[in-house]
Amino acid sequence: QTQDKSVVEILRDLTQRDTKNQSAIFGQSLISEIRKIGPVTQTSHRRAGFFVLLSPRVPAVLLEMGFMSHPEDDARLANPQFRSRQMAATAKSISAYFDRVQVISGGAGK
């Protein structure tokens, strides 16, 4: 605990910077897995200041699986097998990320 506001702000900034870096690492891993399932836009990894992505301690990504306004995306999204493969790739990426985080933090096996 400290009463010095500048120290608090520096610590918060460092924490949020690390969270953004972890979000980018996770996002790249997620894109790599999803790319194996189907097409991914060229600009698939972008940054945005959405409120839900700004937690200082929780890495976050926003995943858009396609656009219903795009005929090819709409056809893929209507296919249950395609959706299942996308979700399996997403789950695999999430699991791999947290396995990696546990190993790095020494939490493996806990």
PDB file of N, CA and C in Angstrom:
ATOM      1  N   GLN A   1       0.841  -1.185   0.000  1.00  0.00           N
ATOM      2  CA  GLN A   1       0.000   0.000   0.000  1.00  0.00           C
ATOM      3  C   GLN A   1       0.879   1.239   0.000  1.00  0.00           C
ATOM      4  N   THR A   2       0.490   2.184  -0.837  1.00  0.00           N
ATOM      5  CA  THR A   2       1.206   3.452  -0.856  1.00  0.00           C
ATOM      6  C   THR A   2       0.208   4.591  -1.063  1.00  0.00           C
ATOM      7  N   GLN A   3       0.534   5.726  -0.526  1.00  0.00           N
ATOM      8  CA  GLN A   3      -0.305   6.910  -0.684  1.00  0.00           C
ATOM      9  C   GLN A   3       0.158   7.761  -1.866  1.00  0.00           C
ATOM     10  N   ASP A   4       1.309   7.438  -2.437  1.00  0.00           N
ATOM     11  CA  ASP A   4       1.861   8.199  -3.542  1.00  0.00           C
ATOM     12  C   ASP A   4       1.123   7.852  -4.836  1.00  0.00           C
ATOM     13  N   LYS A   5       0.336   8.800  -5.339  1.00  0.00           N
ATOM     14  CA  LYS A   5      -0.482   8.548  -6.526  1.00  0.00           C
ATOM     15  C   LYS A   5       0.370   8.267  -7.763  1.00  0.00           C
ATOM     16  N   SER A   6       1.531   8.870  -7.863  1.00  0.00           N
ATOM     17  CA  SER A   6       2.369   8.628  -9.041  1.00  0.00           C
ATOM     18  C   SER A   6       2.865   7.186  -9.062  1.00  0.00           C
ATOM     19  N   VAL A   7       3.178   6.621  -7.909  1.00  0.00           N
ATOM     20  CA  VAL A   7       3.610   5.220  -7.843  1.00  0.00           C
ATOM     21  C   VAL A   7       2.454   4.306  -8.236  1.00  0.00           C
ATOM     22  N   VAL A   8       1.274   4.599  -7.747  1.00  0.00           N
ATOM     23  CA  VAL A   8       0.088   3.812  -8.087  1.00  0.00           C
ATOM     24  C   VAL A   8      -0.144   3.852  -9.591  1.00  0.00           C
ATOM     25  N   GLU A   9      -0.048   5.025 -10.200  1.00  0.00           N
ATOM     26  CA  GLU A   9      -0.261   5.165 -11.646  1.00  0.00           C
ATOM     27  C   GLU A   9       0.803   4.408 -12.441  1.00  0.00           C
ATOM     28  N   ILE A  10       2.042   4.457 -12.006  1.00  0.00           N
ATOM     29  CA  ILE A  10       3.119   3.731 -12.684  1.00  0.00           C
ATOM     30  C   ILE A  10       2.874   2.229 -12.605  1.00  0.00           C
ATOM     31  N   LEU A  11       2.513   1.742 -11.436  1.00  0.00           N
ATOM     32  CA  LEU A  11       2.236   0.307 -11.279  1.00  0.00           C
ATOM     33  C   LEU A  11       1.042  -0.116 -12.122  1.00  0.00           C
ATOM     34  N   ARG A  12       0.007   0.694 -12.163  1.00  0.00           N
ATOM     35  CA  ARG A  12      -1.166   0.384 -12.983  1.00  0.00           C
ATOM     36  C   ARG A  12      -0.786   0.364 -14.465  1.00  0.00           C
ATOM     37  N   ASP A  13       0.017   1.330 -14.888  1.00  0.00           N
ATOM     38  CA  ASP A  13       0.446   1.383 -16.281  1.00  0.00           C
ATOM     39  C   ASP A  13       1.277   0.152 -16.654  1.00  0.00           C
ATOM     40  N   LEU A  14       2.180  -0.247 -15.777  1.00  0.00           N
ATOM     41  CA  LEU A  14       3.001  -1.442 -16.036  1.00  0.00           C
ATOM     42  C   LEU A  14       2.149  -2.701 -16.119  1.00  0.00           C
ATOM     43  N   THR A  15       1.180  -2.800 -15.229  1.00  0.00           N
ATOM     44  CA  THR A  15       0.282  -3.957 -15.240  1.00  0.00           C
ATOM     45  C   THR A  15      -0.540  -3.985 -16.521  1.00  0.00           C
ATOM     46  N   GLN A  16      -1.082  -2.839 -16.899  1.00  0.00           N
ATOM     47  CA  GLN A  16      -1.903  -2.789 -18.110  1.00  0.00           C
ATOM     48  C   GLN A  16      -1.058  -3.037 -19.354  1.00  0.00           C
ATOM     49  N   ARG A  17       0.168  -2.569 -19.372  1.00  0.00           N
ATOM     50  CA  ARG A  17       1.068  -2.816 -20.510  1.00  0.00           C
ATOM     51  C   ARG A  17       1.347  -4.305 -20.650  1.00  0.00           C
ATOM     52  N   ASP A  18       1.607  -4.973 -19.537  1.00  0.00           N
ATOM     53  CA  ASP A  18       1.835  -6.421 -19.584  1.00  0.00           C
ATOM     54  C   ASP A  18       0.582  -7.154 -20.062  1.00  0.00           C
ATOM     55  N   THR A  19      -0.572  -6.709 -19.593  1.00  0.00           N
ATOM     56  CA  THR A  19      -1.834  -7.329 -20.011  1.00  0.00           C
ATOM     57  C   THR A  19      -2.036  -7.155 -21.512  1.00  0.00           C
ATOM     58  N   LYS A  20      -1.740  -5.986 -22.047  1.00  0.00           N
ATOM     59  CA  LYS A  20      -1.859  -5.754 -23.489  1.00  0.00           C
ATOM     60  C   LYS A  20      -0.907  -6.674 -24.248  1.00  0.00           C
ATOM     61  N   ASN A  21       0.309  -6.833 -23.745  1.00  0.00           N
ATOM     62  CA  ASN A  21       1.265  -7.728 -24.393  1.00  0.00           C
ATOM     63  C   ASN A  21       0.772  -9.166 -24.367  1.00  0.00           C
ATOM     64  N   GLN A  22       0.233  -9.598 -23.239  1.00  0.00           N
ATOM     65  CA  GLN A  22      -0.301 -10.953 -23.139  1.00  0.00           C
ATOM     66  C   GLN A  22      -1.512 -11.136 -24.056  1.00  0.00           C
ATOM     67  N   SER A  23      -2.332 -10.103 -24.187  1.00  0.00           N
ATOM     68  CA  SER A  23      -3.471 -10.157 -25.097  1.00  0.00           C
ATOM     69  C   SER A  23      -2.995 -10.317 -26.534  1.00  0.00           C
ATOM     70  N   ALA A  24      -1.934  -9.615 -26.897  1.00  0.00           N
ATOM     71  CA  ALA A  24      -1.380  -9.718 -28.253  1.00  0.00           C
ATOM     72  C   ALA A  24      -0.821 -11.114 -28.508  1.00  0.00           C
ATOM     73  N   ILE A  25      -0.136 -11.675 -27.526  1.00  0.00           N
ATOM     74  CA  ILE A  25       0.399 -13.033 -27.658  1.00  0.00           C
ATOM     75  C   ILE A  25      -0.737 -14.027 -27.840  1.00  0.00           C
ATOM     76  N   PHE A  26      -1.763 -13.903 -27.008  1.00  0.00           N
ATOM     77  CA  PHE A  26      -2.901 -14.799 -27.128  1.00  0.00           C
ATOM     78  C   PHE A  26      -3.605 -14.603 -28.466  1.00  0.00           C
ATOM     79  N   GLY A  27      -3.792 -13.358 -28.888  1.00  0.00           N
ATOM     80  CA  GLY A  27      -4.447 -13.073 -30.161  1.00  0.00           C
ATOM     81  C   GLY A  27      -3.719 -13.706 -31.334  1.00  0.00           C
ATOM     82  N   GLN A  28      -2.392 -13.632 -31.335  1.00  0.00           N
ATOM     83  CA  GLN A  28      -1.609 -14.248 -32.415  1.00  0.00           C
ATOM     84  C   GLN A  28      -1.791 -15.761 -32.415  1.00  0.00           C
ATOM     85  N   SER A  29      -1.786 -16.362 -31.252  1.00  0.00           N
ATOM     86  CA  SER A  29      -1.991 -17.803 -31.143  1.00  0.00           C
ATOM     87  C   SER A  29      -3.376 -18.188 -31.651  1.00  0.00           C
ATOM     88  N   LEU A  30      -4.357 -17.416 -31.283  1.00  0.00           N
ATOM     89  CA  LEU A  30      -5.734 -17.670 -31.710  1.00  0.00           C
ATOM     90  C   LEU A  30      -5.860 -17.566 -33.228  1.00  0.00           C
ATOM     91  N   ILE A  31      -5.290 -16.534 -33.806  1.00  0.00           N
ATOM     92  CA  ILE A  31      -5.332 -16.356 -35.256  1.00  0.00           C
ATOM     93  C   ILE A  31      -4.644 -17.529 -35.961  1.00  0.00           C
ATOM     94  N   SER A  32      -3.519 -17.966 -35.423  1.00  0.00           N
ATOM     95  CA  SER A  32      -2.803 -19.099 -36.031  1.00  0.00           C
ATOM     96  C   SER A  32      -3.667 -20.349 -36.074  1.00  0.00           C
ATOM     97  N   GLU A  33      -4.394 -20.621 -35.007  1.00  0.00           N
ATOM     98  CA  GLU A  33      -5.265 -21.803 -34.970  1.00  0.00           C
ATOM     99  C   GLU A  33      -6.459 -21.651 -35.899  1.00  0.00           C
ATOM    100  N   ILE A  34      -7.077 -20.482 -35.888  1.00  0.00           N
ATOM    101  CA  ILE A  34      -8.268 -20.273 -36.708  1.00  0.00           C
ATOM    102  C   ILE A  34      -7.909 -20.261 -38.196  1.00  0.00           C
ATOM    103  N   ARG A  35      -6.723 -19.787 -38.520  1.00  0.00           N
ATOM    104  CA  ARG A  35      -6.279 -19.762 -39.909  1.00  0.00           C
ATOM    105  C   ARG A  35      -6.235 -21.180 -40.495  1.00  0.00           C
ATOM    106  N   LYS A  36      -6.024 -22.180 -39.652  1.00  0.00           N
ATOM    107  CA  LYS A  36      -5.999 -23.566 -40.112  1.00  0.00           C
ATOM    108  C   LYS A  36      -7.389 -24.046 -40.536  1.00  0.00           C
ATOM    109  N   ILE A  37      -8.431 -23.394 -40.035  1.00  0.00           N
ATOM    110  CA  ILE A  37      -9.813 -23.808 -40.277  1.00  0.00           C
ATOM    111  C   ILE A  37     -10.398 -23.143 -41.514  1.00  0.00           C
ATOM    112  N   GLY A  38     -10.065 -21.892 -41.725  1.00  0.00           N
ATOM    113  CA  GLY A  38     -10.649 -21.172 -42.846  1.00  0.00           C
ATOM    114  C   GLY A  38      -9.975 -19.827 -43.035  1.00  0.00           C
ATOM    115  N   PRO A  39     -10.506 -19.035 -43.946  1.00  0.00           N
ATOM    116  CA  PRO A  39      -9.874 -17.754 -44.259  1.00  0.00           C
ATOM    117  C   PRO A  39      -9.912 -16.782 -43.077  1.00  0.00           C
ATOM    118  N   VAL A  40      -8.856 -15.985 -43.008  1.00  0.00           N
ATOM    119  CA  VAL A  40      -8.739 -14.938 -41.991  1.00  0.00           C
ATOM    120  C   VAL A  40      -8.366 -13.657 -42.733  1.00  0.00           C
ATOM    121  N   THR A  41      -8.950 -12.543 -42.357  1.00  0.00           N
ATOM    122  CA  THR A  41      -8.640 -11.286 -43.039  1.00  0.00           C
ATOM    123  C   THR A  41      -7.177 -10.923 -42.858  1.00  0.00           C
ATOM    124  N   GLN A  42      -6.649 -10.167 -43.810  1.00  0.00           N
ATOM    125  CA  GLN A  42      -5.243  -9.750 -43.756  1.00  0.00           C
ATOM    126  C   GLN A  42      -4.966  -8.854 -42.542  1.00  0.00           C
ATOM    127  N   THR A  43      -5.959  -8.098 -42.142  1.00  0.00           N
ATOM    128  CA  THR A  43      -5.794  -7.191 -40.999  1.00  0.00           C
ATOM    129  C   THR A  43      -6.475  -7.779 -39.768  1.00  0.00           C
ATOM    130  N   SER A  44      -6.223  -9.049 -39.521  1.00  0.00           N
ATOM    131  CA  SER A  44      -6.956  -9.739 -38.462  1.00  0.00           C
ATOM    132  C   SER A  44      -6.503  -9.376 -37.054  1.00  0.00           C
ATOM    133  N   HIS A  45      -5.306  -8.874 -36.907  1.00  0.00           N
ATOM    134  CA  HIS A  45      -4.817  -8.556 -35.570  1.00  0.00           C
ATOM    135  C   HIS A  45      -4.686  -7.042 -35.447  1.00  0.00           C
ATOM    136  N   ARG A  46      -5.668  -6.447 -34.788  1.00  0.00           N
ATOM    137  CA  ARG A  46      -5.684  -5.000 -34.594  1.00  0.00           C
ATOM    138  C   ARG A  46      -5.862  -4.697 -33.119  1.00  0.00           C
ATOM    139  N   ARG A  47      -5.573  -3.482 -32.759  1.00  0.00           N
ATOM    140  CA  ARG A  47      -5.788  -3.035 -31.378  1.00  0.00           C
ATOM    141  C   ARG A  47      -6.968  -2.081 -31.348  1.00  0.00           C
ATOM    142  N   ALA A  48      -7.681  -2.105 -30.239  1.00  0.00           N
ATOM    143  CA  ALA A  48      -8.807  -1.188 -30.068  1.00  0.00           C
ATOM    144  C   ALA A  48      -8.988  -0.901 -28.587  1.00  0.00           C
ATOM    145  N   GLY A  49      -9.543   0.232 -28.285  1.00  0.00           N
ATOM    146  CA  GLY A  49      -9.741   0.632 -26.900  1.00  0.00           C
ATOM    147  C   GLY A  49     -11.121   0.290 -26.373  1.00  0.00           C
ATOM    148  N   PHE A  50     -11.689  -0.843 -26.805  1.00  0.00           N
ATOM    149  CA  PHE A  50     -12.995  -1.230 -26.290  1.00  0.00           C
ATOM    150  C   PHE A  50     -12.914  -1.405 -24.780  1.00  0.00           C
ATOM    151  N   PHE A  51     -13.908  -0.913 -24.077  1.00  0.00           N
ATOM    152  CA  PHE A  51     -13.921  -0.983 -22.615  1.00  0.00           C
ATOM    153  C   PHE A  51     -13.722  -2.408 -22.112  1.00  0.00           C
ATOM    154  N   VAL A  52     -14.349  -3.381 -22.759  1.00  0.00           N
ATOM    155  CA  VAL A  52     -14.257  -4.772 -22.301  1.00  0.00           C
ATOM    156  C   VAL A  52     -12.862  -5.345 -22.481  1.00  0.00           C
ATOM    157  N   LEU A  53     -12.007  -4.688 -23.255  1.00  0.00           N
ATOM    158  CA  LEU A  53     -10.648  -5.176 -23.482  1.00  0.00           C
ATOM    159  C   LEU A  53      -9.610  -4.453 -22.633  1.00  0.00           C
ATOM    160  N   LEU A  54     -10.045  -3.577 -21.759  1.00  0.00           N
ATOM    161  CA  LEU A  54      -9.110  -2.723 -21.033  1.00  0.00           C
ATOM    162  C   LEU A  54      -8.868  -3.121 -19.584  1.00  0.00           C
ATOM    163  N   SER A  55      -9.228  -4.313 -19.184  1.00  0.00           N
ATOM    164  CA  SER A  55      -8.975  -4.734 -17.811  1.00  0.00           C
ATOM    165  C   SER A  55      -7.470  -4.693 -17.546  1.00  0.00           C
ATOM    166  N   PRO A  56      -7.056  -4.185 -16.402  1.00  0.00           N
ATOM    167  CA  PRO A  56      -5.623  -4.109 -16.138  1.00  0.00           C
ATOM    168  C   PRO A  56      -4.980  -5.464 -15.844  1.00  0.00           C
ATOM    169  N   ARG A  57      -5.763  -6.514 -15.575  1.00  0.00           N
ATOM    170  CA  ARG A  57      -5.165  -7.783 -15.155  1.00  0.00           C
ATOM    171  C   ARG A  57      -5.565  -8.992 -15.980  1.00  0.00           C
ATOM    172  N   VAL A  58      -6.505  -8.854 -16.894  1.00  0.00           N
ATOM    173  CA  VAL A  58      -7.020 -10.012 -17.618  1.00  0.00           C
ATOM    174  C   VAL A  58      -6.777  -9.834 -19.117  1.00  0.00           C
ATOM    175  N   PRO A  59      -5.934 -10.668 -19.708  1.00  0.00           N
ATOM    176  CA  PRO A  59      -5.758 -10.584 -21.159  1.00  0.00           C
ATOM    177  C   PRO A  59      -7.089 -10.816 -21.866  1.00  0.00           C
ATOM    178  N   ALA A  60      -7.336 -10.076 -22.942  1.00  0.00           N
ATOM    179  CA  ALA A  60      -8.616 -10.183 -23.638  1.00  0.00           C
ATOM    180  C   ALA A  60      -8.425  -9.981 -25.133  1.00  0.00           C
ATOM    181  N   VAL A  61      -9.252 -10.658 -25.887  1.00  0.00           N
ATOM    182  CA  VAL A  61      -9.324 -10.463 -27.333  1.00  0.00           C
ATOM    183  C   VAL A  61     -10.791 -10.419 -27.732  1.00  0.00           C
ATOM    184  N   LEU A  62     -11.051  -9.768 -28.839  1.00  0.00           N
ATOM    185  CA  LEU A  62     -12.383  -9.757 -29.424  1.00  0.00           C
ATOM    186  C   LEU A  62     -12.294 -10.596 -30.682  1.00  0.00           C
ATOM    187  N   LEU A  63     -13.094 -11.645 -30.742  1.00  0.00           N
ATOM    188  CA  LEU A  63     -13.031 -12.588 -31.858  1.00  0.00           C
ATOM    189  C   LEU A  63     -14.306 -12.483 -32.685  1.00  0.00           C
ATOM    190  N   GLU A  64     -14.145 -12.093 -33.932  1.00  0.00           N
ATOM    191  CA  GLU A  64     -15.264 -12.052 -34.873  1.00  0.00           C
ATOM    192  C   GLU A  64     -15.054 -13.195 -35.856  1.00  0.00           C
ATOM    193  N   MET A  65     -15.996 -14.111 -35.884  1.00  0.00           N
ATOM    194  CA  MET A  65     -15.864 -15.311 -36.715  1.00  0.00           C
ATOM    195  C   MET A  65     -16.246 -15.071 -38.169  1.00  0.00           C
ATOM    196  N   GLY A  66     -16.850 -13.964 -38.469  1.00  0.00           N
ATOM    197  CA  GLY A  66     -17.267 -13.647 -39.826  1.00  0.00           C
ATOM    198  C   GLY A  66     -18.361 -12.603 -39.771  1.00  0.00           C
ATOM    199  N   PHE A  67     -18.819 -12.230 -40.941  1.00  0.00           N
ATOM    200  CA  PHE A  67     -19.843 -11.198 -41.034  1.00  0.00           C
ATOM    201  C   PHE A  67     -21.027 -11.730 -41.834  1.00  0.00           C
ATOM    202  N   MET A  68     -22.185 -11.664 -41.244  1.00  0.00           N
ATOM    203  CA  MET A  68     -23.392 -12.168 -41.907  1.00  0.00           C
ATOM    204  C   MET A  68     -23.715 -11.360 -43.162  1.00  0.00           C
ATOM    205  N   SER A  69     -23.184 -10.144 -43.264  1.00  0.00           N
ATOM    206  CA  SER A  69     -23.413  -9.315 -44.445  1.00  0.00           C
ATOM    207  C   SER A  69     -22.530  -9.741 -45.624  1.00  0.00           C
ATOM    208  N   HIS A  70     -21.560 -10.598 -45.368  1.00  0.00           N
ATOM    209  CA  HIS A  70     -20.668 -11.099 -46.413  1.00  0.00           C
ATOM    210  C   HIS A  70     -21.155 -12.493 -46.819  1.00  0.00           C
ATOM    211  N   PRO A  71     -21.554 -12.687 -48.080  1.00  0.00           N
ATOM    212  CA  PRO A  71     -22.174 -13.962 -48.492  1.00  0.00           C
ATOM    213  C   PRO A  71     -21.333 -15.210 -48.179  1.00  0.00           C
ATOM    214  N   GLU A  72     -20.023 -15.162 -48.405  1.00  0.00           N
ATOM    215  CA  GLU A  72     -19.185 -16.340 -48.126  1.00  0.00           C
ATOM    216  C   GLU A  72     -19.085 -16.599 -46.625  1.00  0.00           C
ATOM    217  N   ASP A  73     -18.914 -15.526 -45.848  1.00  0.00           N
ATOM    218  CA  ASP A  73     -18.888 -15.674 -44.393  1.00  0.00           C
ATOM    219  C   ASP A  73     -20.215 -16.219 -43.893  1.00  0.00           C
ATOM    220  N   ASP A  74     -21.298 -15.684 -44.417  1.00  0.00           N
ATOM    221  CA  ASP A  74     -22.628 -16.109 -43.995  1.00  0.00           C
ATOM    222  C   ASP A  74     -22.821 -17.606 -44.255  1.00  0.00           C
ATOM    223  N   ALA A  75     -22.377 -18.074 -45.404  1.00  0.00           N
ATOM    224  CA  ALA A  75     -22.506 -19.504 -45.733  1.00  0.00           C
ATOM    225  C   ALA A  75     -21.673 -20.352 -44.771  1.00  0.00           C
ATOM    226  N   ARG A  76     -20.460 -19.897 -44.455  1.00  0.00           N
ATOM    227  CA  ARG A  76     -19.621 -20.648 -43.509  1.00  0.00           C
ATOM    228  C   ARG A  76     -20.254 -20.661 -42.121  1.00  0.00           C
ATOM    229  N   LEU A  77     -20.759 -19.498 -41.695  1.00  0.00           N
ATOM    230  CA  LEU A  77     -21.361 -19.401 -40.365  1.00  0.00           C
ATOM    231  C   LEU A  77     -22.634 -20.231 -40.249  1.00  0.00           C
ATOM    232  N   ALA A  78     -23.297 -20.475 -41.349  1.00  0.00           N
ATOM    233  CA  ALA A  78     -24.510 -21.296 -41.338  1.00  0.00           C
ATOM    234  C   ALA A  78     -24.197 -22.785 -41.294  1.00  0.00           C
ATOM    235  N   ASN A  79     -22.942 -23.143 -41.480  1.00  0.00           N
ATOM    236  CA  ASN A  79     -22.517 -24.544 -41.510  1.00  0.00           C
ATOM    237  C   ASN A  79     -22.125 -25.005 -40.098  1.00  0.00           C
ATOM    238  N   PRO A  80     -22.892 -25.919 -39.491  1.00  0.00           N
ATOM    239  CA  PRO A  80     -22.583 -26.360 -38.120  1.00  0.00           C
ATOM    240  C   PRO A  80     -21.204 -27.006 -37.985  1.00  0.00           C
ATOM    241  N   GLN A  81     -20.749 -27.717 -39.007  1.00  0.00           N
ATOM    242  CA  GLN A  81     -19.428 -28.344 -38.935  1.00  0.00           C
ATOM    243  C   GLN A  81     -18.323 -27.287 -38.919  1.00  0.00           C
ATOM    244  N   PHE A  82     -18.497 -26.244 -39.727  1.00  0.00           N
ATOM    245  CA  PHE A  82     -17.513 -25.165 -39.744  1.00  0.00           C
ATOM    246  C   PHE A  82     -17.463 -24.468 -38.387  1.00  0.00           C
ATOM    247  N   ARG A  83     -18.629 -24.159 -37.836  1.00  0.00           N
ATOM    248  CA  ARG A  83     -18.669 -23.510 -36.515  1.00  0.00           C
ATOM    249  C   ARG A  83     -18.019 -24.392 -35.460  1.00  0.00           C
ATOM    250  N   SER A  84     -18.270 -25.676 -35.532  1.00  0.00           N
ATOM    251  CA  SER A  84     -17.684 -26.601 -34.570  1.00  0.00           C
ATOM    252  C   SER A  84     -16.156 -26.607 -34.684  1.00  0.00           C
ATOM    253  N   ARG A  85     -15.650 -26.614 -35.913  1.00  0.00           N
ATOM    254  CA  ARG A  85     -14.193 -26.587 -36.110  1.00  0.00           C
ATOM    255  C   ARG A  85     -13.604 -25.273 -35.603  1.00  0.00           C
ATOM    256  N   GLN A  86     -14.304 -24.176 -35.840  1.00  0.00           N
ATOM    257  CA  GLN A  86     -13.817 -22.881 -35.347  1.00  0.00           C
ATOM    258  C   GLN A  86     -13.768 -22.866 -33.820  1.00  0.00           C
ATOM    259  N   MET A  87     -14.806 -23.381 -33.192  1.00  0.00           N
ATOM    260  CA  MET A  87     -14.837 -23.381 -31.727  1.00  0.00           C
ATOM    261  C   MET A  87     -13.789 -24.333 -31.156  1.00  0.00           C
ATOM    262  N   ALA A  88     -13.553 -25.463 -31.827  1.00  0.00           N
ATOM    263  CA  ALA A  88     -12.505 -26.388 -31.371  1.00  0.00           C
ATOM    264  C   ALA A  88     -11.145 -25.708 -31.468  1.00  0.00           C
ATOM    265  N   ALA A  89     -10.904 -24.973 -32.550  1.00  0.00           N
ATOM    266  CA  ALA A  89      -9.632 -24.254 -32.700  1.00  0.00           C
ATOM    267  C   ALA A  89      -9.504 -23.170 -31.634  1.00  0.00           C
ATOM    268  N   THR A  90     -10.601 -22.501 -31.341  1.00  0.00           N
ATOM    269  CA  THR A  90     -10.594 -21.462 -30.308  1.00  0.00           C
ATOM    270  C   THR A  90     -10.302 -22.072 -28.942  1.00  0.00           C
ATOM    271  N   ALA A  91     -10.970 -23.162 -28.624  1.00  0.00           N
ATOM    272  CA  ALA A  91     -10.747 -23.837 -27.338  1.00  0.00           C
ATOM    273  C   ALA A  91      -9.309 -24.332 -27.226  1.00  0.00           C
ATOM    274  N   LYS A  92      -8.766 -24.875 -28.304  1.00  0.00           N
ATOM    275  CA  LYS A  92      -7.376 -25.357 -28.303  1.00  0.00           C
ATOM    276  C   LYS A  92      -6.417 -24.213 -28.017  1.00  0.00           C
ATOM    277  N   SER A  93      -6.665 -23.078 -28.634  1.00  0.00           N
ATOM    278  CA  SER A  93      -5.808 -21.917 -28.436  1.00  0.00           C
ATOM    279  C   SER A  93      -5.894 -21.396 -27.005  1.00  0.00           C
ATOM    280  N   ILE A  94      -7.091 -21.345 -26.454  1.00  0.00           N
ATOM    281  CA  ILE A  94      -7.272 -20.891 -25.065  1.00  0.00           C
ATOM    282  C   ILE A  94      -6.544 -21.836 -24.108  1.00  0.00           C
ATOM    283  N   SER A  95      -6.725 -23.120 -24.303  1.00  0.00           N
ATOM    284  CA  SER A  95      -6.072 -24.106 -23.444  1.00  0.00           C
ATOM    285  C   SER A  95      -4.554 -24.001 -23.539  1.00  0.00           C
ATOM    286  N   ALA A  96      -4.035 -23.880 -24.753  1.00  0.00           N
ATOM    287  CA  ALA A  96      -2.577 -23.774 -24.942  1.00  0.00           C
ATOM    288  C   ALA A  96      -2.040 -22.508 -24.277  1.00  0.00           C
ATOM    289  N   TYR A  97      -2.773 -21.400 -24.380  1.00  0.00           N
ATOM    290  CA  TYR A  97      -2.326 -20.154 -23.762  1.00  0.00           C
ATOM    291  C   TYR A  97      -2.216 -20.317 -22.241  1.00  0.00           C
ATOM    292  N   PHE A  98      -3.275 -20.863 -21.628  1.00  0.00           N
ATOM    293  CA  PHE A  98      -3.245 -20.983 -20.173  1.00  0.00           C
ATOM    294  C   PHE A  98      -2.274 -22.055 -19.699  1.00  0.00           C
ATOM    295  N   ASP A  99      -2.059 -23.100 -20.482  1.00  0.00           N
ATOM    296  CA  ASP A  99      -1.011 -24.069 -20.144  1.00  0.00           C
ATOM    297  C   ASP A  99       0.346 -23.380 -20.132  1.00  0.00           C
ATOM    298  N   ARG A 100       0.586 -22.526 -21.127  1.00  0.00           N
ATOM    299  CA  ARG A 100       1.852 -21.792 -21.220  1.00  0.00           C
ATOM    300  C   ARG A 100       2.013 -20.834 -20.042  1.00  0.00           C
ATOM    301  N   VAL A 101       0.936 -20.130 -19.684  1.00  0.00           N
ATOM    302  CA  VAL A 101       0.989 -19.186 -18.573  1.00  0.00           C
ATOM    303  C   VAL A 101       1.290 -19.921 -17.273  1.00  0.00           C
ATOM    304  N   GLN A 102       0.680 -21.097 -17.071  1.00  0.00           N
ATOM    305  CA  GLN A 102       0.937 -21.871 -15.849  1.00  0.00           C
ATOM    306  C   GLN A 102       2.398 -22.308 -15.771  1.00  0.00           C
ATOM    307  N   VAL A 103       2.946 -22.733 -16.880  1.00  0.00           N
ATOM    308  CA  VAL A 103       4.345 -23.169 -16.902  1.00  0.00           C
ATOM    309  C   VAL A 103       5.265 -22.001 -16.577  1.00  0.00           C
ATOM    310  N   ILE A 104       5.012 -20.854 -17.196  1.00  0.00           N
ATOM    311  CA  ILE A 104       5.850 -19.675 -16.964  1.00  0.00           C
ATOM    312  C   ILE A 104       5.747 -19.201 -15.522  1.00  0.00           C
ATOM    313  N   SER A 105       4.545 -19.225 -14.960  1.00  0.00           N
ATOM    314  CA  SER A 105       4.357 -18.715 -13.591  1.00  0.00           C
ATOM    315  C   SER A 105       4.667 -19.763 -12.523  1.00  0.00           C
ATOM    316  N   GLY A 106       5.017 -20.970 -12.968  1.00  0.00           N
ATOM    317  CA  GLY A 106       5.327 -22.012 -12.006  1.00  0.00           C
ATOM    318  C   GLY A 106       4.099 -22.667 -11.420  1.00  0.00           C
ATOM    319  N   GLY A 107       2.949 -22.475 -12.045  1.00  0.00           N
ATOM    320  CA  GLY A 107       1.699 -23.016 -11.521  1.00  0.00           C
ATOM    321  C   GLY A 107       1.324 -24.355 -12.134  1.00  0.00           C
ATOM    322  N   ALA A 108       2.193 -24.955 -12.924  1.00  0.00           N
ATOM    323  CA  ALA A 108       1.863 -26.233 -13.554  1.00  0.00           C
ATOM    324  C   ALA A 108       1.605 -27.292 -12.487  1.00  0.00           C
ATOM    325  N   GLY A 109       0.546 -28.032 -12.692  1.00  0.00           N
ATOM    326  CA  GLY A 109       0.218 -29.106 -11.754  1.00  0.00           C
ATOM    327  C   GLY A 109      -0.589 -28.638 -10.557  1.00  0.00           C
ATOM    328  N   LYS A 110      -0.880 -27.363 -10.470  1.00  0.00           N
ATOM    329  CA  LYS A 110      -1.669 -26.858  -9.324  1.00  0.00           C
ATOM    330  C   LYS A 110      -3.117 -26.812  -9.686  1.00  0.00           C
TER     331      LYS A 110
END
